[in-house]
Each structure stands twice: as structure tokens, then as C-alpha cells.
C-alpha atoms as a PDB file:
ATOM      1  CA  MET A   1      -0.001  -0.005   0.003  1.00  0.00           C
ATOM      2  CA  PRO A   2       1.468   3.403  -0.925  1.00  0.00           C
ATOM      3  CA  SER A   3       2.456   5.623   1.962  1.00  0.00           C
ATOM      4  CA  GLU A   4       0.938   8.661   0.257  1.00  0.00           C
ATOM      5  CA  PRO A   5      -2.795   8.407  -0.465  1.00  0.00           C
ATOM      6  CA  PHE A   6      -3.472   8.074  -4.195  1.00  0.00           C
ATOM      7  CA  ALA A   7       0.283   8.023  -4.887  1.00  0.00           C
ATOM      8  CA  GLU A   8      -0.311   5.641  -7.790  1.00  0.00           C
ATOM      9  CA  HIS A   9      -3.160   7.816  -9.066  1.00  0.00           C
ATOM     10  CA  PRO A  10      -2.127  11.475  -8.752  1.00  0.00           C
ATOM     11  CA  GLN A  11      -5.191  12.564 -10.721  1.00  0.00           C
ATOM     12  CA  MET A  12      -7.239  11.410  -7.695  1.00  0.00           C
ATOM     13  CA  ALA A  13      -5.259  13.449  -5.129  1.00  0.00           C
ATOM     14  CA  HIS A  14      -7.893  16.175  -5.069  1.00  0.00           C
ATOM     15  CA  LEU A  15     -10.865  13.931  -5.668  1.00  0.00           C
ATOM     16  CA  ASP A  16     -14.110  15.640  -4.874  1.00  0.00           C
ATOM     17  CA  PRO A  17     -16.132  13.401  -2.531  1.00  0.00           C
ATOM     18  CA  CYS A  18     -19.291  14.535  -4.265  1.00  0.00           C
ATOM     19  CA  ALA A  19     -18.027  14.364  -7.836  1.00  0.00           C
ATOM     20  CA  ASP A  20     -21.276  12.857  -9.050  1.00  0.00           C
ATOM     21  CA  SER A  21     -23.481  15.508  -7.425  1.00  0.00           C
ATOM     22  CA  HIS A  22     -21.088  18.308  -6.511  1.00  0.00           C
ATOM     23  CA  ASP A  23     -22.504  21.806  -6.249  1.00  0.00           C
ATOM     24  CA  PRO A  24     -19.677  24.085  -7.445  1.00  0.00           C
ATOM     25  CA  PHE A  25     -20.728  26.728  -4.911  1.00  0.00           C
ATOM     26  CA  TRP A  26     -18.949  24.805  -2.128  1.00  0.00           C
ATOM     27  CA  PRO A  27     -15.157  24.367  -1.987  1.00  0.00           C
ATOM     28  CA  ARG A  28     -13.761  21.082  -3.196  1.00  0.00           C
ATOM     29  CA  ILE A  29     -12.547  18.676  -0.593  1.00  0.00           C
ATOM     30  CA  SER A  30      -9.057  17.205  -0.942  1.00  0.00           C
ATOM     31  CA  LEU A  31      -9.042  13.709   0.520  1.00  0.00           C
ATOM     32  CA  ASN A  32      -5.306  14.023   1.198  1.00  0.00           C
ATOM     33  CA  ASP A  33      -5.860  17.215   3.192  1.00  0.00           C
ATOM     34  CA  LEU A  34      -8.864  15.710   4.954  1.00  0.00           C
ATOM     35  CA  ARG A  35      -6.855  12.625   5.944  1.00  0.00           C
ATOM     36  CA  SER A  36      -4.107  14.875   7.296  1.00  0.00           C
ATOM     37  CA  ARG A  37      -6.452  17.173   9.219  1.00  0.00           C
ATOM     38  CA  LEU A  38      -8.206  14.205  10.781  1.00  0.00           C
ATOM     39  CA  GLY A  39      -4.898  12.549  11.634  1.00  0.00           C
ATOM     40  CA  VAL A  40      -5.882   9.192  10.170  1.00  0.00           C
ATOM     41  CA  GLY A  41      -3.343   6.863   8.661  1.00  0.00           C
ATOM     42  CA  ASN A  42      -3.426   3.788   6.508  1.00  0.00           C
ATOM     43  CA  GLU A  43      -5.802   2.042   8.945  1.00  0.00           C
ATOM     44  CA  VAL A  44      -8.517   3.925   7.054  1.00  0.00           C
ATOM     45  CA  SER A  45      -8.712   2.881   3.418  1.00  0.00           C
ATOM     46  CA  GLU A  46      -9.201   5.384   0.616  1.00  0.00           C
ATOM     47  CA  ALA A  47     -12.632   3.858  -0.028  1.00  0.00           C
ATOM     48  CA  GLN A  48     -13.647   4.288   3.618  1.00  0.00           C
ATOM     49  CA  LEU A  49     -12.474   7.881   3.651  1.00  0.00           C
ATOM     50  CA  LEU A  50     -14.174   8.634   0.343  1.00  0.00           C
ATOM     51  CA  VAL A  51     -17.528   7.193   1.452  1.00  0.00           C
ATOM     52  CA  ALA A  52     -17.380   9.025   4.788  1.00  0.00           C
ATOM     53  CA  ALA A  53     -16.372  12.311   3.134  1.00  0.00           C
ATOM     54  CA  ARG A  54     -19.036  12.031   0.451  1.00  0.00           C
ATOM     55  CA  GLY A  55     -21.766  11.570   3.024  1.00  0.00           C
ATOM     56  CA  ALA A  56     -20.313  14.383   5.137  1.00  0.00           C
ATOM     57  CA  ALA A  57     -20.187  16.826   2.192  1.00  0.00           C
ATOM     58  CA  MET A  58     -23.762  16.032   1.244  1.00  0.00           C
ATOM     59  CA  THR A  59     -24.914  16.556   4.842  1.00  0.00           C
ATOM     60  CA  ALA A  60     -22.998  19.826   5.120  1.00  0.00           C
ATOM     61  CA  ALA A  61     -24.465  21.066   1.813  1.00  0.00           C
ATOM     62  CA  ARG A  62     -27.957  20.409   3.163  1.00  0.00           C
ATOM     63  CA  GLU A  63     -27.196  22.122   6.446  1.00  0.00           C
ATOM     64  CA  PHE A  64     -25.779  25.192   4.715  1.00  0.00           C
ATOM     65  CA  ALA A  65     -28.359  25.295   1.906  1.00  0.00           C
ATOM     66  CA  GLN A  66     -30.026  28.485   3.124  1.00  0.00           C
ATOM     67  CA  TRP A  67     -26.707  30.328   3.068  1.00  0.00           C
ATOM     68  CA  ARG A  68     -26.041  29.129  -0.462  1.00  0.00           C
ATOM     69  CA  HIS A  69     -29.504  30.129  -1.604  1.00  0.00           C
ATOM     70  CA  SER A  70     -29.201  33.588  -0.082  1.00  0.00           C
ATOM     71  CA  LEU A  71     -25.743  34.216  -1.548  1.00  0.00           C
ATOM     72  CA  ARG A  72     -26.751  32.926  -4.985  1.00  0.00           C
ATOM     73  CA  GLU A  73     -29.686  35.339  -4.961  1.00  0.00           C
ATOM     74  CA  ARG A  74     -27.089  38.097  -4.484  1.00  0.00           C
ATOM     75  CA  GLY A  75     -25.152  36.883  -7.535  1.00  0.00           C
ATOM     76  CA  PHE A  76     -22.409  34.825  -5.920  1.00  0.00           C
ATOM     77  CA  ARG A  77     -21.879  31.586  -7.830  1.00  0.00           C
ATOM     78  CA  ARG A  78     -19.048  30.236  -5.666  1.00  0.00           C
ATOM     79  CA  LEU A  79     -18.181  30.708  -2.023  1.00  0.00           C
ATOM     80  CA  GLU A  80     -14.570  31.309  -3.126  1.00  0.00           C
ATOM     81  CA  THR A  81     -15.587  34.686  -4.491  1.00  0.00           C
ATOM     82  CA  LEU A  82     -16.247  35.798  -0.914  1.00  0.00           C
ATOM     83  CA  ALA A  83     -12.826  34.673   0.337  1.00  0.00           C
ATOM     84  CA  GLY A  84     -11.671  38.314   0.486  1.00  0.00           C
ATOM     85  CA  HIS A  85     -14.277  39.118   3.094  1.00  0.00           C
ATOM     86  CA  ALA A  86     -14.301  37.951   6.738  1.00  0.00           C
ATOM     87  CA  PRO A  87     -17.900  36.567   6.581  1.00  0.00           C
ATOM     88  CA  GLY A  88     -17.046  34.551   3.447  1.00  0.00           C
ATOM     89  CA  ARG A  89     -13.924  33.108   5.053  1.00  0.00           C
ATOM     90  CA  ALA A  90     -15.879  32.262   8.191  1.00  0.00           C
ATOM     91  CA  LEU A  91     -18.607  30.494   6.221  1.00  0.00           C
ATOM     92  CA  GLN A  92     -16.015  28.533   4.248  1.00  0.00           C
ATOM     93  CA  ARG A  93     -14.257  27.497   7.503  1.00  0.00           C
ATOM     94  CA  CYS A  94     -17.598  26.461   9.023  1.00  0.00           C
ATOM     95  CA  TYR A  95     -18.459  24.372   5.953  1.00  0.00           C
ATOM     96  CA  LEU A  96     -15.059  22.671   5.871  1.00  0.00           C
ATOM     97  CA  ARG A  97     -15.111  21.970   9.621  1.00  0.00           C
ATOM     98  CA  SER A  98     -18.595  20.548   9.297  1.00  0.00           C
ATOM     99  CA  VAL A  99     -17.364  18.162   6.598  1.00  0.00           C
ATOM    100  CA  GLU A 100     -14.361  17.193   8.723  1.00  0.00           C
ATOM    101  CA  MET A 101     -16.392  16.484  11.848  1.00  0.00           C
ATOM    102  CA  ALA A 102     -19.086  14.545   9.983  1.00  0.00           C
ATOM    103  CA  THR A 103     -16.346  12.514   8.276  1.00  0.00           C
ATOM    104  CA  ARG A 104     -14.734  11.782  11.638  1.00  0.00           C
ATOM    105  CA  ARG A 105     -18.104  10.709  13.081  1.00  0.00           C
ATOM    106  CA  ALA A 106     -18.728   8.370  10.161  1.00  0.00           C
ATOM    107  CA  LEU A 107     -15.270   6.810  10.437  1.00  0.00           C
ATOM    108  CA  LEU A 108     -15.694   6.332  14.204  1.00  0.00           C
ATOM    109  CA  LYS A 109     -19.086   4.713  13.729  1.00  0.00           C
ATOM    110  CA  GLY A 110     -17.579   2.367  11.151  1.00  0.00           C
ATOM    111  CA  ALA A 111     -14.707   1.494  13.508  1.00  0.00           C
ATOM    112  CA  GLU A 112     -17.136   0.837  16.385  1.00  0.00           C
ATOM    113  CA  ARG A 113     -19.261  -1.356  14.139  1.00  0.00           C
ATOM    114  CA  ASN A 114     -16.184  -3.346  13.059  1.00  0.00           C
ATOM    115  CA  LEU A 115     -15.070  -3.750  16.661  1.00  0.00           C
ATOM    116  CA  LEU A 116     -18.505  -5.036  17.729  1.00  0.00           C
ATOM    117  CA  GLN A 117     -18.599  -7.470  14.818  1.00  0.00           C
ATOM    118  CA  SER A 118     -15.153  -8.839  15.702  1.00  0.00           C
ATOM    119  CA  GLU A 119     -16.188  -9.259  19.366  1.00  0.00           C
ATOM    120  CA  VAL A 120     -19.290 -11.177  18.320  1.00  0.00           C
ATOM    121  CA  ARG A 121     -17.207 -13.529  16.195  1.00  0.00           C
ATOM    122  CA  SER A 122     -14.745 -14.216  19.042  1.00  0.00           C
END
């Protein structure tokens, strides 16, 4: 297994967890950065991280939908265009932290489920 996630597939290094339904308003999520920020190593597979991040990004998009709607009504097509303003940076940080925490929750639930299953088998 490569030490660097997606080392064999560099085109996947910045894979968007919601590539099939991504709303370009929200910033893209780098799985490598997400892995680093969460402090998870190779014990979490790329597939596990991708599934957890995809669900987290979809949940965050739903939770922040009213913000997106309001900003789009004002002509903003991407949150990145507000990066020069403190409220835009704050919203982007909140969105990214929401994705991180939901991803962490999903990974922990998966680890707990695996632990319970292995205890049952023993």
C-alpha cells in the first residue's frame, strides 16, 4: 500500500467526494488534506475515507443550503468569491469543519461497528 494516499493515481489526489453531485458553490474537498487534518493513517482505506467524506459533504451542503440560496440570490456563484471578506472566510471554514467532523463521526461509527462485529465472532 502506498504511503501517500493516491500516490499511484495522482489525478485522484484532489478527488471531490461529491463528484457525481457536486455543487460548485462549495469548496472542493481534498481527501489528502482531509486525511491529514483528521490525523488518520493507513488504517482507514481510501474507499472508507471517500464514502465518509461524500456523506459528510452532502450533509453539510444540506445544512448550509439556506446560506447558499441567499448568496446565490445576491449573484455569488461560488463561495470562493467571498474569500476576500471575513464573513465569506468564516462560512467557508464552518463548511469545511462541518465536513471534517461529519467525516470523523462516520469513520468512528464504522470502527465501532467493526469492533462489535469482531467481538461477536470471538
